[in-house]
């Protein structure tokens, strides 16, 4: 398994959109995204002006139902 880099939230949101996710709502500084065909696949991205920590990014990838290599290809 490949290690996750530290990335900005905007890149994470774009990668999730490429994977078929759409923005459902924004609550405060958190973007809540849902997959178009499978509503059970949801991901919450904290949208702050700093890189996401690797543990947070790993949790987002897991919530989205993706594996790390697939997510890295979407970046």
C-alpha atoms as a PDB file:
ATOM      1  CA  UNK A   1       0.000   0.000   0.000  1.00  0.00           C
ATOM      2  CA  UNK A   2       1.228   3.444  -0.902  1.00  0.00           C
ATOM      3  CA  UNK A   3       1.562   6.210   1.655  1.00  0.00           C
ATOM      4  CA  UNK A   4      -0.784   9.160   1.453  1.00  0.00           C
ATOM      5  CA  UNK A   5       0.716  12.610   0.910  1.00  0.00           C
ATOM      6  CA  UNK A   6      -0.439  15.716   2.727  1.00  0.00           C
ATOM      7  CA  UNK A   7      -2.804  17.535   0.345  1.00  0.00           C
ATOM      8  CA  UNK A   8      -5.079  20.552   0.386  1.00  0.00           C
ATOM      9  CA  UNK A   9      -8.819  20.026   0.821  1.00  0.00           C
ATOM     10  CA  UNK A  10      -9.560  21.462  -2.643  1.00  0.00           C
ATOM     11  CA  UNK A  11      -7.588  18.621  -4.281  1.00  0.00           C
ATOM     12  CA  UNK A  12      -9.428  16.055  -2.162  1.00  0.00           C
ATOM     13  CA  UNK A  13     -12.814  17.481  -3.180  1.00  0.00           C
ATOM     14  CA  UNK A  14     -11.810  17.414  -6.881  1.00  0.00           C
ATOM     15  CA  UNK A  15     -10.586  13.827  -6.581  1.00  0.00           C
ATOM     16  CA  UNK A  16     -13.844  12.743  -4.952  1.00  0.00           C
ATOM     17  CA  UNK A  17     -15.809  14.487  -7.696  1.00  0.00           C
ATOM     18  CA  UNK A  18     -13.817  12.510 -10.278  1.00  0.00           C
ATOM     19  CA  UNK A  19     -14.787   9.350  -8.378  1.00  0.00           C
ATOM     20  CA  UNK A  20     -18.485  10.178  -8.759  1.00  0.00           C
ATOM     21  CA  UNK A  21     -19.192  12.137  -5.587  1.00  0.00           C
ATOM     22  CA  UNK A  22     -21.241  15.329  -5.480  1.00  0.00           C
ATOM     23  CA  UNK A  23     -21.501  18.062  -2.878  1.00  0.00           C
ATOM     24  CA  UNK A  24     -24.632  17.561  -0.775  1.00  0.00           C
ATOM     25  CA  UNK A  25     -24.160  20.332   1.753  1.00  0.00           C
ATOM     26  CA  UNK A  26     -21.664  22.508   3.553  1.00  0.00           C
ATOM     27  CA  UNK A  27     -21.885  22.757   7.318  1.00  0.00           C
ATOM     28  CA  UNK A  28     -19.473  25.295   8.695  1.00  0.00           C
ATOM     29  CA  UNK A  29     -16.112  24.413   7.194  1.00  0.00           C
ATOM     30  CA  UNK A  30     -16.979  20.784   6.382  1.00  0.00           C
ATOM     31  CA  UNK A  31     -18.022  19.628   2.920  1.00  0.00           C
ATOM     32  CA  UNK A  32     -20.333  16.633   2.956  1.00  0.00           C
ATOM     33  CA  UNK A  33     -20.207  14.632  -0.249  1.00  0.00           C
ATOM     34  CA  UNK A  34     -22.309  11.677  -1.388  1.00  0.00           C
ATOM     35  CA  UNK A  35     -21.754   9.248  -4.260  1.00  0.00           C
ATOM     36  CA  UNK A  36     -24.144   9.693  -7.189  1.00  0.00           C
ATOM     37  CA  UNK A  37     -25.207   6.048  -7.568  1.00  0.00           C
ATOM     38  CA  UNK A  38     -24.636   4.740  -4.032  1.00  0.00           C
ATOM     39  CA  UNK A  39     -26.009   7.085  -1.359  1.00  0.00           C
ATOM     40  CA  UNK A  40     -24.480   4.948   1.403  1.00  0.00           C
ATOM     41  CA  UNK A  41     -21.006   6.105   0.299  1.00  0.00           C
ATOM     42  CA  UNK A  42     -20.485   9.439   2.038  1.00  0.00           C
ATOM     43  CA  UNK A  43     -17.402  11.439   2.867  1.00  0.00           C
ATOM     44  CA  UNK A  44     -16.883  14.552   4.970  1.00  0.00           C
ATOM     45  CA  UNK A  45     -13.958  16.803   4.059  1.00  0.00           C
ATOM     46  CA  UNK A  46     -12.830  19.464   6.571  1.00  0.00           C
ATOM     47  CA  UNK A  47     -12.153  22.508   4.389  1.00  0.00           C
ATOM     48  CA  UNK A  48      -9.534  24.647   6.120  1.00  0.00           C
ATOM     49  CA  UNK A  49      -6.642  26.623   4.641  1.00  0.00           C
ATOM     50  CA  UNK A  50      -4.048  23.989   5.478  1.00  0.00           C
ATOM     51  CA  UNK A  51      -3.004  20.512   4.384  1.00  0.00           C
ATOM     52  CA  UNK A  52      -5.054  17.619   5.682  1.00  0.00           C
ATOM     53  CA  UNK A  53      -3.201  15.326   8.043  1.00  0.00           C
ATOM     54  CA  UNK A  54      -2.487  11.840   6.786  1.00  0.00           C
ATOM     55  CA  UNK A  55      -4.791  10.183   9.316  1.00  0.00           C
ATOM     56  CA  UNK A  56      -7.669  12.471   8.364  1.00  0.00           C
ATOM     57  CA  UNK A  57      -7.044  11.830   4.679  1.00  0.00           C
ATOM     58  CA  UNK A  58      -6.985   8.080   5.277  1.00  0.00           C
ATOM     59  CA  UNK A  59     -10.345   8.321   7.076  1.00  0.00           C
ATOM     60  CA  UNK A  60     -11.841  10.258   4.133  1.00  0.00           C
ATOM     61  CA  UNK A  61     -10.611   7.609   1.678  1.00  0.00           C
ATOM     62  CA  UNK A  62     -12.106   4.882   3.855  1.00  0.00           C
ATOM     63  CA  UNK A  63     -15.444   6.717   4.164  1.00  0.00           C
ATOM     64  CA  UNK A  64     -15.562   7.070   0.382  1.00  0.00           C
ATOM     65  CA  UNK A  65     -15.077   3.344  -0.087  1.00  0.00           C
ATOM     66  CA  UNK A  66     -11.889   3.784  -2.110  1.00  0.00           C
ATOM     67  CA  UNK A  67      -8.486   2.228  -1.690  1.00  0.00           C
ATOM     68  CA  UNK A  68      -5.374   4.375  -1.354  1.00  0.00           C
ATOM     69  CA  UNK A  69      -3.944   3.581  -4.797  1.00  0.00           C
ATOM     70  CA  UNK A  70      -7.243   4.403  -6.507  1.00  0.00           C
ATOM     71  CA  UNK A  71      -7.468   7.696  -4.601  1.00  0.00           C
ATOM     72  CA  UNK A  72      -3.910   8.644  -5.569  1.00  0.00           C
ATOM     73  CA  UNK A  73      -4.734   8.078  -9.246  1.00  0.00           C
ATOM     74  CA  UNK A  74      -7.690  10.458  -8.881  1.00  0.00           C
ATOM     75  CA  UNK A  75      -5.524  13.240  -7.407  1.00  0.00           C
END
